């Protein structure tokens, strides 16, 4: 496999999934959509647990990173700003899908793993989830979801190559802290997909992941 392999697969599956969604349109019943989203939520939980088990962090440091990063995110109102942006483009399948597929711990942690450790597993898991989600989104929002695949390709390749070129500056312990923290945020994401932890603004906690790479 080559650098960026996970992202290329992600790109292809979003294209495929959204194309199928455009073809199927209203033929996808609501109960099926709900069941699929529940499956994605549970799988996200399992990915989070996997990262938590595999990495041995500096627990106290991770705690302070999460508190500091959360304080920064909530002070800047990152998620609220994103919600306002989305509302301004309500009905835009391109924007909705682009944000859904690239903003979050799966993208950040997956690109980091592939760039530094050559492990595309997390990005490939994300690719299949995005492919399924794109089917449901394109059935609702239309062809804009199809074009979001190109944004996913550009964004994730840029992030992956940035981590690749600067990966030597990330210490093994900082990597463990980041992956552990990413696993915790994936647990929270999985619970949100399942309709729990709705009051938690997950995007507001994302600065903690950025801090964990450099601190």
Protein backbone atom coordinates (compact mmCIF):
# COMPACT_ATOMS: atom_id res chain seq x y z
CA UNK A 1 0.00 0.00 0.00
CA UNK A 2 1.10 3.57 -0.64
CA UNK A 3 0.85 6.79 1.34
CA UNK A 4 -2.68 8.09 0.90
CA UNK A 5 -4.12 4.65 0.12
CA UNK A 6 -6.83 4.94 2.77
CA UNK A 7 -7.90 8.33 1.46
CA UNK A 8 -8.03 7.14 -2.15
CA UNK A 9 -10.27 4.25 -1.07
CA UNK A 10 -12.36 6.73 0.95
CA UNK A 11 -12.73 8.89 -2.17
CA UNK A 12 -13.79 5.93 -4.29
CA UNK A 13 -16.35 4.61 -1.81
CA UNK A 14 -17.96 8.03 -1.35
CA UNK A 15 -18.27 8.29 -5.14
CA UNK A 16 -19.73 4.79 -5.32
CA UNK A 17 -22.05 5.20 -2.34
CA UNK A 18 -23.41 8.58 -3.41
CA UNK A 19 -23.93 7.34 -6.97
CA UNK A 20 -25.98 4.44 -5.64
CA UNK A 21 -27.94 6.79 -3.39
CA UNK A 22 -28.79 9.02 -6.35
CA UNK A 23 -30.01 5.97 -8.25
CA UNK A 24 -31.99 4.49 -5.36
CA UNK A 25 -33.38 7.82 -4.09
CA UNK A 26 -36.65 7.24 -2.24
CA UNK A 27 -36.35 3.48 -2.43
CA UNK A 28 -34.42 3.39 0.87
CA UNK A 29 -36.94 2.98 3.74
CA UNK A 30 -36.52 5.02 6.91
CA UNK A 31 -36.19 1.95 9.15
CA UNK A 32 -33.24 0.79 7.05
CA UNK A 33 -31.55 4.17 7.37
CA UNK A 34 -31.99 4.09 11.15
CA UNK A 35 -30.62 0.55 11.37
CA UNK A 36 -27.58 1.42 9.27
CA UNK A 37 -26.79 4.49 11.40
CA UNK A 38 -27.06 2.38 14.57
CA UNK A 39 -24.59 -0.10 13.07
CA UNK A 40 -22.18 2.73 12.20
CA UNK A 41 -22.48 4.09 15.74
CA UNK A 42 -21.67 0.73 17.32
CA UNK A 43 -18.74 0.17 14.95
CA UNK A 44 -17.36 3.61 15.85
CA UNK A 45 -17.56 2.62 19.51
CA UNK A 46 -15.56 -0.53 18.77
CA UNK A 47 -12.88 1.45 16.92
CA UNK A 48 -12.60 3.79 19.89
CA UNK A 49 -12.20 0.89 22.32
CA UNK A 50 -9.51 -0.62 20.08
CA UNK A 51 -7.42 2.57 20.23
CA UNK A 52 -7.90 2.87 23.97
CA UNK A 53 -6.70 -0.69 24.54
CA UNK A 54 -3.74 -0.53 22.15
CA UNK A 55 -2.15 2.66 23.50
CA UNK A 56 -0.61 3.46 26.88
CA UNK A 57 -0.91 7.21 27.49
CA UNK A 58 0.35 9.59 30.14
CA UNK A 59 -3.03 9.68 31.86
CA UNK A 60 -2.63 12.94 33.76
CA UNK A 61 -1.24 14.68 30.68
CA UNK A 62 -4.15 13.46 28.55
CA UNK A 63 -6.56 14.78 31.18
CA UNK A 64 -5.04 18.26 31.10
CA UNK A 65 -4.85 18.21 27.29
CA UNK A 66 -8.55 17.38 27.15
CA UNK A 67 -9.43 20.11 29.65
CA UNK A 68 -7.27 22.74 27.94
CA UNK A 69 -8.33 21.76 24.43
CA UNK A 70 -11.97 21.69 25.48
CA UNK A 71 -11.66 25.11 27.10
CA UNK A 72 -10.21 26.52 23.87
CA UNK A 73 -12.86 24.85 21.71
CA UNK A 74 -15.79 25.97 23.85
CA UNK A 75 -14.35 29.48 24.15
CA UNK A 76 -14.07 29.71 20.36
CA UNK A 77 -17.50 28.02 19.95
CA UNK A 78 -16.17 25.86 17.14
CA UNK A 79 -19.16 23.55 16.83
CA UNK A 80 -21.68 26.36 17.16
CA UNK A 81 -19.90 28.30 14.39
CA UNK A 82 -19.95 25.22 12.18
CA UNK A 83 -23.66 24.74 12.83
CA UNK A 84 -24.35 28.35 11.82
CA UNK A 85 -22.33 27.84 8.64
CA UNK A 86 -24.29 24.68 7.82
CA UNK A 87 -27.61 26.46 8.42
CA UNK A 88 -26.52 29.21 6.06
CA UNK A 89 -26.11 26.56 3.36
CA UNK A 90 -29.10 24.43 4.33
CA UNK A 91 -29.91 22.03 1.56
CA UNK A 92 -26.34 21.97 0.30
CA UNK A 93 -25.41 18.30 0.05
CA UNK A 94 -21.83 19.23 -0.80
CA UNK A 95 -21.23 21.20 2.39
CA UNK A 96 -23.13 18.84 4.66
CA UNK A 97 -21.29 15.76 3.40
CA UNK A 98 -17.89 17.47 3.27
CA UNK A 99 -18.13 18.49 6.91
CA UNK A 100 -19.48 15.12 8.01
CA UNK A 101 -16.72 13.18 6.24
CA UNK A 102 -13.73 15.30 7.29
CA UNK A 103 -14.42 17.01 10.63
CA UNK A 104 -13.81 14.69 13.55
CA UNK A 105 -11.47 12.33 15.38
CA UNK A 106 -11.66 9.54 12.79
CA UNK A 107 -10.18 11.73 10.07
CA UNK A 108 -7.44 13.23 12.23
CA UNK A 109 -6.40 9.98 13.90
CA UNK A 110 -6.68 7.93 10.72
CA UNK A 111 -4.45 10.27 8.70
CA UNK A 112 -1.94 10.38 11.56
CA UNK A 113 -1.76 6.58 11.78
CA UNK A 114 -1.29 6.13 8.05
CA UNK A 115 1.35 8.83 7.76
CA UNK A 116 3.48 7.90 10.77
CA UNK A 117 2.90 4.16 11.19
CA UNK A 118 1.85 3.13 7.68
CA UNK A 119 -1.40 1.77 9.12
CA UNK A 120 -4.36 2.49 6.84
CA UNK A 121 -6.80 0.38 8.88
CA UNK A 122 -8.62 3.25 10.56
CA UNK A 123 -8.99 5.24 7.34
CA UNK A 124 -10.28 2.15 5.55
CA UNK A 125 -12.88 1.64 8.28
CA UNK A 126 -13.84 5.29 7.93
CA UNK A 127 -14.00 4.85 4.14
CA UNK A 128 -16.64 2.13 4.38
CA UNK A 129 -18.67 4.13 6.91
CA UNK A 130 -18.50 7.23 4.69
CA UNK A 131 -19.47 5.15 1.67
CA UNK A 132 -22.62 3.92 3.42
CA UNK A 133 -23.39 7.37 4.84
CA UNK A 134 -22.99 8.95 1.39
CA UNK A 135 -25.69 6.63 0.05
CA UNK A 136 -28.15 7.88 2.65
CA UNK A 137 -27.09 11.53 2.26
CA UNK A 138 -27.25 11.60 -1.54
CA UNK A 139 -30.73 10.06 -1.45
CA UNK A 140 -31.75 13.12 0.59
CA UNK A 141 -29.54 16.00 -0.62
CA UNK A 142 -28.78 15.03 -4.21
CA UNK A 143 -25.67 15.21 -6.37
CA UNK A 144 -23.79 17.68 -4.14
CA UNK A 145 -22.82 14.70 -1.97
CA UNK A 146 -21.11 13.13 -4.98
CA UNK A 147 -18.82 16.14 -5.40
CA UNK A 148 -17.90 16.09 -1.69
CA UNK A 149 -15.73 13.07 -2.52
CA UNK A 150 -13.23 15.41 -4.19
CA UNK A 151 -13.07 17.59 -1.07
CA UNK A 152 -12.46 14.48 1.05
CA UNK A 153 -9.62 13.49 -1.28
CA UNK A 154 -7.95 16.91 -1.14
CA UNK A 155 -8.42 17.46 2.61
CA UNK A 156 -7.28 14.04 3.79
CA UNK A 157 -4.31 13.83 1.43
CA UNK A 158 -3.15 17.24 2.64
CA UNK A 159 -3.47 16.17 6.27
CA UNK A 160 -1.75 12.82 5.65
CA UNK A 161 1.22 14.35 3.85
CA UNK A 162 1.55 17.06 6.51
CA UNK A 163 1.80 14.35 9.18
CA UNK A 164 4.21 12.38 7.00
CA UNK A 165 6.67 15.26 6.57
CA UNK A 166 6.46 16.43 10.18
CA UNK A 167 5.98 12.99 11.76
CA UNK A 168 9.61 12.78 12.91
CA UNK A 169 8.90 15.62 15.31
CA UNK A 170 6.15 13.62 17.06
CA UNK A 171 7.54 11.57 19.94
CA UNK A 172 6.31 7.97 20.50
CA UNK A 173 4.68 9.03 23.77
CA UNK A 174 2.92 11.98 22.14
CA UNK A 175 1.67 9.55 19.48
CA UNK A 176 0.30 7.22 22.17
CA UNK A 177 -1.38 10.14 23.93
CA UNK A 178 -2.95 11.33 20.66
CA UNK A 179 -4.24 7.91 19.63
CA UNK A 180 -5.62 7.24 23.12
CA UNK A 181 -7.36 10.60 23.15
CA UNK A 182 -8.65 9.99 19.63
CA UNK A 183 -10.07 6.68 20.80
CA UNK A 184 -11.92 8.43 23.62
CA UNK A 185 -13.38 10.98 21.24
CA UNK A 186 -14.45 8.15 18.91
CA UNK A 187 -16.35 6.60 21.81
CA UNK A 188 -18.13 9.92 22.30
CA UNK A 189 -18.82 10.13 18.55
CA UNK A 190 -20.28 6.62 18.52
CA UNK A 191 -22.58 7.49 21.41
CA UNK A 192 -23.71 10.68 19.64
CA UNK A 193 -24.53 8.70 16.50
CA UNK A 194 -26.65 6.42 18.69
CA UNK A 195 -28.51 9.45 20.05
CA UNK A 196 -26.66 9.73 23.37
CA UNK A 197 -24.40 12.51 24.69
CA UNK A 198 -26.30 14.98 22.52
CA UNK A 199 -25.28 17.88 24.78
CA UNK A 200 -21.56 17.20 24.24
CA UNK A 201 -20.09 19.48 21.57
CA UNK A 202 -17.54 17.04 20.18
CA UNK A 203 -15.95 19.48 17.75
CA UNK A 204 -15.19 21.81 20.65
CA UNK A 205 -12.94 19.06 22.08
CA UNK A 206 -10.93 18.66 18.87
CA UNK A 207 -8.22 21.21 19.86
CA UNK A 208 -7.07 18.67 22.46
CA UNK A 209 -6.01 16.35 19.61
CA UNK A 210 -3.96 19.11 18.00
CA UNK A 211 -2.32 19.94 21.31
CA UNK A 212 -1.51 16.29 22.03
CA UNK A 213 0.61 16.04 18.86
CA UNK A 214 2.89 18.93 19.78
CA UNK A 215 2.93 18.93 23.61
